[in-house]
């Protein structure tokens, strides 16, 4: 399993929790900076982030992936659209939450969400 991290660095504890939730070993975490220039068009910046992963077309379609999305909503939305095109499905994503009662602001992994499963269930509920 590969994690592609478009957000803050993940701690060892967070990666361990992701392994337990996904019930898979994490082979590698690929950290990609996701800061954008708001004065420039977004799509080429997202394309550059995806390119920085170093993954091939075949790897996008065949490797088990979990994505830690960028915090900026427009970046996350465009990244998901692009990844769906590359992978042929929506990838799993990580949801972090603040640790309650912590003295400093820190986050723990709340869940790993299989977006493709969410999308399939939504298609079943059309009225």
N, C-alpha and C. Protein backbone atom coordinates (compact mmCIF):
# COMPACT_ATOMS: atom_id res chain seq x y z
N UNK A 1 0.84 -1.18 0.00
CA UNK A 1 0.00 0.00 0.00
C UNK A 1 0.88 1.24 0.00
N UNK A 2 0.51 2.22 -0.80
CA UNK A 2 1.22 3.49 -0.87
C UNK A 2 0.30 4.58 -0.33
N UNK A 3 0.84 5.48 0.45
CA UNK A 3 0.12 6.69 0.84
C UNK A 3 0.73 7.82 0.03
N UNK A 4 -0.13 8.59 -0.62
CA UNK A 4 0.33 9.81 -1.27
C UNK A 4 -0.21 10.95 -0.43
N UNK A 5 0.71 11.67 0.17
CA UNK A 5 0.37 12.68 1.16
C UNK A 5 0.52 14.08 0.57
N UNK A 6 -0.62 14.72 0.33
CA UNK A 6 -0.64 16.09 -0.18
C UNK A 6 -0.90 17.08 0.95
N UNK A 7 -0.59 16.70 2.17
CA UNK A 7 -0.87 17.56 3.31
C UNK A 7 0.33 17.59 4.24
N UNK A 8 0.09 17.91 5.51
CA UNK A 8 1.16 17.95 6.50
C UNK A 8 1.80 16.57 6.64
N UNK A 9 3.06 16.49 7.03
CA UNK A 9 3.70 15.18 7.21
C UNK A 9 2.93 14.31 8.20
N UNK A 10 2.88 13.03 7.90
CA UNK A 10 2.21 12.07 8.79
C UNK A 10 3.21 11.54 9.80
N UNK A 11 2.76 11.37 11.03
CA UNK A 11 3.61 10.81 12.07
C UNK A 11 3.63 9.28 11.96
N UNK A 12 4.56 8.67 12.63
CA UNK A 12 4.63 7.20 12.66
C UNK A 12 3.33 6.63 13.24
N UNK A 13 2.82 7.27 14.29
CA UNK A 13 1.57 6.81 14.92
C UNK A 13 0.40 6.88 13.94
N UNK A 14 0.35 7.95 13.14
CA UNK A 14 -0.72 8.07 12.16
C UNK A 14 -0.60 7.00 11.08
N UNK A 15 0.60 6.74 10.61
CA UNK A 15 0.81 5.70 9.60
C UNK A 15 0.45 4.33 10.17
N UNK A 16 0.84 4.07 11.41
CA UNK A 16 0.49 2.79 12.06
C UNK A 16 -1.03 2.62 12.15
N UNK A 17 -1.73 3.69 12.49
CA UNK A 17 -3.20 3.65 12.59
C UNK A 17 -3.82 3.40 11.21
N UNK A 18 -3.28 4.02 10.18
CA UNK A 18 -3.78 3.80 8.82
C UNK A 18 -3.61 2.33 8.43
N UNK A 19 -2.46 1.76 8.77
CA UNK A 19 -2.22 0.34 8.49
C UNK A 19 -3.28 -0.53 9.17
N UNK A 20 -3.57 -0.23 10.43
CA UNK A 20 -4.57 -1.03 11.16
C UNK A 20 -5.96 -0.86 10.54
N UNK A 21 -6.33 0.38 10.21
CA UNK A 21 -7.66 0.62 9.64
C UNK A 21 -7.81 0.01 8.25
N UNK A 22 -6.76 0.09 7.45
CA UNK A 22 -6.81 -0.45 6.08
C UNK A 22 -6.51 -1.95 6.05
N UNK A 23 -5.98 -2.46 7.15
CA UNK A 23 -5.58 -3.86 7.24
C UNK A 23 -4.59 -4.23 6.13
N UNK A 24 -3.67 -3.29 5.88
CA UNK A 24 -2.63 -3.49 4.88
C UNK A 24 -1.35 -2.83 5.35
N UNK A 25 -0.22 -3.37 4.94
CA UNK A 25 1.08 -2.78 5.26
C UNK A 25 1.34 -1.58 4.36
N UNK A 26 1.81 -0.49 4.94
CA UNK A 26 2.19 0.70 4.17
C UNK A 26 3.64 0.52 3.74
N UNK A 27 3.86 0.39 2.44
CA UNK A 27 5.20 0.23 1.90
C UNK A 27 5.96 1.55 1.83
N UNK A 28 5.19 2.62 1.55
CA UNK A 28 5.85 3.89 1.30
C UNK A 28 4.86 5.03 1.45
N UNK A 29 5.37 6.16 1.97
CA UNK A 29 4.61 7.41 2.01
C UNK A 29 5.31 8.38 1.07
N UNK A 30 4.57 8.88 0.09
CA UNK A 30 5.10 9.85 -0.86
C UNK A 30 4.56 11.22 -0.45
N UNK A 31 5.44 12.09 0.03
CA UNK A 31 5.05 13.42 0.47
C UNK A 31 5.18 14.41 -0.69
N UNK A 32 4.08 15.08 -0.99
CA UNK A 32 4.04 16.04 -2.10
C UNK A 32 3.56 17.39 -1.55
N UNK A 33 4.36 18.44 -1.69
CA UNK A 33 3.91 19.77 -1.25
C UNK A 33 2.67 20.18 -2.06
N UNK A 34 1.70 20.78 -1.38
CA UNK A 34 0.45 21.11 -2.08
C UNK A 34 0.10 22.59 -2.02
N UNK A 35 1.05 23.41 -1.63
CA UNK A 35 0.77 24.84 -1.60
C UNK A 35 0.63 25.35 -3.02
N UNK A 36 -0.41 26.15 -3.25
CA UNK A 36 -0.65 26.67 -4.60
C UNK A 36 -0.44 28.18 -4.63
N UNK A 37 -0.25 28.68 -5.82
CA UNK A 37 -0.18 30.12 -6.04
C UNK A 37 -1.58 30.57 -6.47
N UNK A 38 -2.29 31.30 -5.61
CA UNK A 38 -3.67 31.68 -5.94
C UNK A 38 -3.79 32.61 -7.14
N UNK A 39 -2.70 33.22 -7.56
CA UNK A 39 -2.72 34.11 -8.72
C UNK A 39 -2.60 33.36 -10.04
N UNK A 40 -2.30 32.06 -9.97
CA UNK A 40 -2.09 31.25 -11.17
C UNK A 40 -3.23 30.25 -11.33
N UNK A 41 -3.48 29.78 -12.56
CA UNK A 41 -4.51 28.76 -12.78
C UNK A 41 -4.21 27.50 -11.94
N UNK A 42 -5.27 26.88 -11.43
CA UNK A 42 -5.11 25.74 -10.52
C UNK A 42 -4.72 24.44 -11.24
N UNK A 43 -5.33 24.16 -12.38
CA UNK A 43 -5.13 22.85 -13.02
C UNK A 43 -3.67 22.53 -13.30
N UNK A 44 -2.86 23.43 -13.86
CA UNK A 44 -1.46 23.08 -14.08
C UNK A 44 -0.70 22.83 -12.77
N UNK A 45 -1.12 23.50 -11.71
CA UNK A 45 -0.47 23.29 -10.42
C UNK A 45 -0.79 21.90 -9.86
N UNK A 46 -2.04 21.46 -10.04
CA UNK A 46 -2.43 20.11 -9.61
C UNK A 46 -1.72 19.07 -10.47
N UNK A 47 -1.62 19.32 -11.77
CA UNK A 47 -0.89 18.41 -12.66
C UNK A 47 0.56 18.27 -12.21
N UNK A 48 1.17 19.37 -11.80
CA UNK A 48 2.56 19.33 -11.33
C UNK A 48 2.68 18.51 -10.05
N UNK A 49 1.71 18.63 -9.14
CA UNK A 49 1.73 17.83 -7.90
C UNK A 49 1.65 16.35 -8.24
N UNK A 50 0.74 16.00 -9.13
CA UNK A 50 0.58 14.59 -9.52
C UNK A 50 1.86 14.08 -10.16
N UNK A 51 2.47 14.89 -10.99
CA UNK A 51 3.72 14.50 -11.65
C UNK A 51 4.83 14.24 -10.63
N UNK A 52 4.85 15.02 -9.54
CA UNK A 52 5.88 14.86 -8.52
C UNK A 52 5.82 13.52 -7.79
N UNK A 53 4.70 12.80 -7.89
CA UNK A 53 4.61 11.50 -7.23
C UNK A 53 5.58 10.50 -7.86
N UNK A 54 5.88 10.70 -9.15
CA UNK A 54 6.76 9.77 -9.84
C UNK A 54 6.07 8.47 -10.26
N UNK A 55 4.77 8.37 -10.04
CA UNK A 55 4.06 7.14 -10.40
C UNK A 55 3.80 7.11 -11.91
N UNK A 56 3.89 5.93 -12.47
CA UNK A 56 3.61 5.73 -13.89
C UNK A 56 2.11 5.54 -14.10
N UNK A 57 1.70 5.59 -15.35
CA UNK A 57 0.29 5.35 -15.69
C UNK A 57 -0.16 3.98 -15.19
N UNK A 58 0.68 2.98 -15.34
CA UNK A 58 0.34 1.63 -14.89
C UNK A 58 0.25 1.58 -13.36
N UNK A 59 1.16 2.25 -12.66
CA UNK A 59 1.12 2.27 -11.20
C UNK A 59 -0.15 2.94 -10.68
N UNK A 60 -0.58 4.04 -11.32
CA UNK A 60 -1.82 4.70 -10.90
C UNK A 60 -3.00 3.73 -11.00
N UNK A 61 -2.97 2.84 -11.98
CA UNK A 61 -4.08 1.93 -12.21
C UNK A 61 -3.97 0.63 -11.42
N UNK A 62 -2.78 0.32 -10.90
CA UNK A 62 -2.60 -1.01 -10.30
C UNK A 62 -2.17 -1.01 -8.83
N UNK A 63 -1.52 0.04 -8.36
CA UNK A 63 -1.08 0.06 -6.96
C UNK A 63 -2.23 0.36 -6.01
N UNK A 64 -2.26 -0.30 -4.86
CA UNK A 64 -3.24 0.11 -3.84
C UNK A 64 -2.78 1.44 -3.24
N UNK A 65 -3.66 2.44 -3.29
CA UNK A 65 -3.31 3.79 -2.88
C UNK A 65 -4.28 4.33 -1.83
N UNK A 66 -3.74 5.11 -0.92
CA UNK A 66 -4.54 5.91 0.00
C UNK A 66 -4.01 7.33 -0.13
N UNK A 67 -4.93 8.29 -0.25
CA UNK A 67 -4.57 9.68 -0.49
C UNK A 67 -4.87 10.51 0.75
N UNK A 68 -3.89 11.33 1.16
CA UNK A 68 -4.14 12.35 2.17
C UNK A 68 -4.29 13.65 1.39
N UNK A 69 -5.53 14.13 1.28
CA UNK A 69 -5.85 15.27 0.42
C UNK A 69 -5.27 16.57 0.95
N UNK A 70 -5.04 17.53 0.04
CA UNK A 70 -4.66 18.87 0.49
C UNK A 70 -5.82 19.50 1.25
N UNK A 71 -5.51 20.43 2.13
CA UNK A 71 -6.55 21.08 2.94
C UNK A 71 -7.42 22.04 2.14
N UNK A 72 -6.88 22.67 1.13
CA UNK A 72 -7.62 23.64 0.34
C UNK A 72 -8.68 22.91 -0.48
N UNK A 73 -9.94 23.30 -0.31
CA UNK A 73 -11.04 22.54 -0.91
C UNK A 73 -10.98 22.48 -2.44
N UNK A 74 -10.64 23.57 -3.11
CA UNK A 74 -10.57 23.55 -4.58
C UNK A 74 -9.46 22.62 -5.06
N UNK A 75 -8.35 22.64 -4.37
CA UNK A 75 -7.24 21.73 -4.73
C UNK A 75 -7.66 20.28 -4.54
N UNK A 76 -8.34 20.00 -3.42
CA UNK A 76 -8.78 18.63 -3.14
C UNK A 76 -9.78 18.15 -4.19
N UNK A 77 -10.72 19.03 -4.56
CA UNK A 77 -11.73 18.64 -5.55
C UNK A 77 -11.10 18.35 -6.91
N UNK A 78 -10.22 19.24 -7.35
CA UNK A 78 -9.59 19.03 -8.66
C UNK A 78 -8.67 17.80 -8.62
N UNK A 79 -7.94 17.62 -7.52
CA UNK A 79 -7.07 16.46 -7.39
C UNK A 79 -7.88 15.17 -7.48
N UNK A 80 -9.03 15.11 -6.80
CA UNK A 80 -9.86 13.90 -6.87
C UNK A 80 -10.36 13.64 -8.29
N UNK A 81 -10.75 14.70 -8.99
CA UNK A 81 -11.20 14.51 -10.38
C UNK A 81 -10.08 13.95 -11.24
N UNK A 82 -8.89 14.50 -11.06
CA UNK A 82 -7.73 14.03 -11.84
C UNK A 82 -7.37 12.58 -11.48
N UNK A 83 -7.37 12.28 -10.17
CA UNK A 83 -7.02 10.92 -9.74
C UNK A 83 -8.04 9.90 -10.23
N UNK A 84 -9.30 10.27 -10.26
CA UNK A 84 -10.31 9.37 -10.79
C UNK A 84 -10.00 9.05 -12.25
N UNK A 85 -9.59 10.05 -13.00
CA UNK A 85 -9.21 9.82 -14.39
C UNK A 85 -7.98 8.94 -14.53
N UNK A 86 -7.01 9.12 -13.65
CA UNK A 86 -5.77 8.33 -13.71
C UNK A 86 -5.99 6.89 -13.25
N UNK A 87 -6.75 6.73 -12.16
CA UNK A 87 -6.92 5.40 -11.56
C UNK A 87 -8.09 4.63 -12.17
N UNK A 88 -9.09 5.36 -12.63
CA UNK A 88 -10.30 4.70 -13.12
C UNK A 88 -11.33 4.49 -12.02
N UNK A 89 -11.06 5.02 -10.85
CA UNK A 89 -11.96 4.90 -9.70
C UNK A 89 -11.56 5.99 -8.70
N UNK A 90 -12.40 6.20 -7.71
CA UNK A 90 -12.04 7.13 -6.64
C UNK A 90 -11.16 6.41 -5.63
N UNK A 91 -10.03 6.98 -5.26
CA UNK A 91 -9.14 6.33 -4.29
C UNK A 91 -9.66 6.47 -2.85
N UNK A 92 -9.10 5.67 -1.98
CA UNK A 92 -9.38 5.81 -0.54
C UNK A 92 -8.68 7.07 -0.04
N UNK A 93 -9.29 7.72 0.94
CA UNK A 93 -8.70 8.93 1.52
C UNK A 93 -8.61 8.80 3.04
N UNK A 94 -7.77 9.63 3.62
CA UNK A 94 -7.57 9.67 5.07
C UNK A 94 -8.35 10.86 5.62
N UNK A 95 -9.07 10.63 6.73
CA UNK A 95 -9.69 11.74 7.46
C UNK A 95 -9.02 11.86 8.81
N UNK A 96 -8.46 13.03 9.08
CA UNK A 96 -7.82 13.31 10.36
C UNK A 96 -8.79 14.11 11.23
N UNK A 97 -8.62 14.02 12.54
CA UNK A 97 -9.42 14.81 13.47
C UNK A 97 -8.52 15.29 14.60
N UNK A 98 -8.87 16.44 15.20
CA UNK A 98 -8.06 16.92 16.32
C UNK A 98 -8.13 15.95 17.50
N UNK A 99 -7.03 15.82 18.21
CA UNK A 99 -7.00 14.98 19.41
C UNK A 99 -7.69 15.77 20.52
N UNK A 100 -8.79 15.24 21.08
CA UNK A 100 -9.50 15.99 22.11
C UNK A 100 -8.65 16.16 23.38
N UNK A 101 -8.69 17.36 23.93
CA UNK A 101 -8.00 17.63 25.19
C UNK A 101 -6.50 17.75 25.10
N UNK A 102 -5.94 17.75 23.88
CA UNK A 102 -4.48 17.84 23.78
C UNK A 102 -4.03 19.26 24.09
N UNK A 103 -2.87 19.38 24.70
CA UNK A 103 -2.32 20.69 25.05
C UNK A 103 -1.94 21.48 23.81
N UNK A 104 -1.34 20.82 22.85
CA UNK A 104 -1.01 21.46 21.58
C UNK A 104 -1.94 20.90 20.51
N UNK A 105 -2.08 21.61 19.43
CA UNK A 105 -2.94 21.14 18.35
C UNK A 105 -2.26 19.97 17.65
N UNK A 106 -2.88 18.83 17.74
CA UNK A 106 -2.37 17.66 17.03
C UNK A 106 -3.55 16.85 16.53
N UNK A 107 -3.27 16.02 15.54
CA UNK A 107 -4.33 15.30 14.86
C UNK A 107 -4.07 13.80 14.88
N UNK A 108 -5.16 13.05 14.90
CA UNK A 108 -5.09 11.59 14.80
C UNK A 108 -5.92 11.15 13.62
N UNK A 109 -5.67 9.95 13.15
CA UNK A 109 -6.42 9.41 12.02
C UNK A 109 -7.79 8.98 12.53
N UNK A 110 -8.84 9.56 11.97
CA UNK A 110 -10.20 9.21 12.36
C UNK A 110 -10.68 7.99 11.58
N UNK A 111 -10.41 7.98 10.26
CA UNK A 111 -10.86 6.87 9.44
C UNK A 111 -10.19 6.91 8.08
N UNK A 112 -10.22 5.76 7.42
CA UNK A 112 -9.83 5.67 6.02
C UNK A 112 -11.14 5.44 5.27
N UNK A 113 -11.42 6.32 4.31
CA UNK A 113 -12.71 6.30 3.61
C UNK A 113 -12.51 5.78 2.19
N UNK A 114 -13.21 4.73 1.83
CA UNK A 114 -13.19 4.19 0.48
C UNK A 114 -14.18 5.00 -0.36
N UNK A 115 -13.67 6.01 -1.07
CA UNK A 115 -14.54 6.90 -1.84
C UNK A 115 -15.28 6.18 -2.96
N UNK A 116 -14.68 5.17 -3.54
CA UNK A 116 -15.36 4.44 -4.62
C UNK A 116 -16.60 3.75 -4.06
N UNK A 117 -16.50 3.19 -2.87
CA UNK A 117 -17.66 2.54 -2.24
C UNK A 117 -18.74 3.59 -1.94
N UNK A 118 -18.32 4.77 -1.47
CA UNK A 118 -19.27 5.85 -1.20
C UNK A 118 -19.99 6.24 -2.49
N UNK A 119 -19.23 6.37 -3.58
CA UNK A 119 -19.81 6.74 -4.86
C UNK A 119 -20.80 5.69 -5.35
N UNK A 120 -20.46 4.41 -5.19
CA UNK A 120 -21.35 3.33 -5.63
C UNK A 120 -22.63 3.32 -4.84
N UNK A 121 -22.54 3.52 -3.52
CA UNK A 121 -23.74 3.56 -2.69
C UNK A 121 -24.62 4.75 -3.07
N UNK A 122 -24.00 5.89 -3.39
CA UNK A 122 -24.78 7.07 -3.78
C UNK A 122 -25.55 6.80 -5.07
N UNK A 123 -24.95 6.04 -5.97
CA UNK A 123 -25.62 5.72 -7.24
C UNK A 123 -26.82 4.82 -7.04
N UNK A 124 -26.83 4.03 -5.96
CA UNK A 124 -27.96 3.15 -5.67
C UNK A 124 -29.15 3.91 -5.10
N UNK A 125 -28.91 5.10 -4.57
CA UNK A 125 -29.95 5.83 -3.85
C UNK A 125 -30.63 6.90 -4.69
N UNK A 126 -30.43 6.91 -5.99
CA UNK A 126 -31.03 7.95 -6.84
C UNK A 126 -32.55 7.85 -6.79
N UNK A 127 -33.18 8.99 -6.66
CA UNK A 127 -34.65 9.03 -6.61
C UNK A 127 -35.21 9.73 -7.82
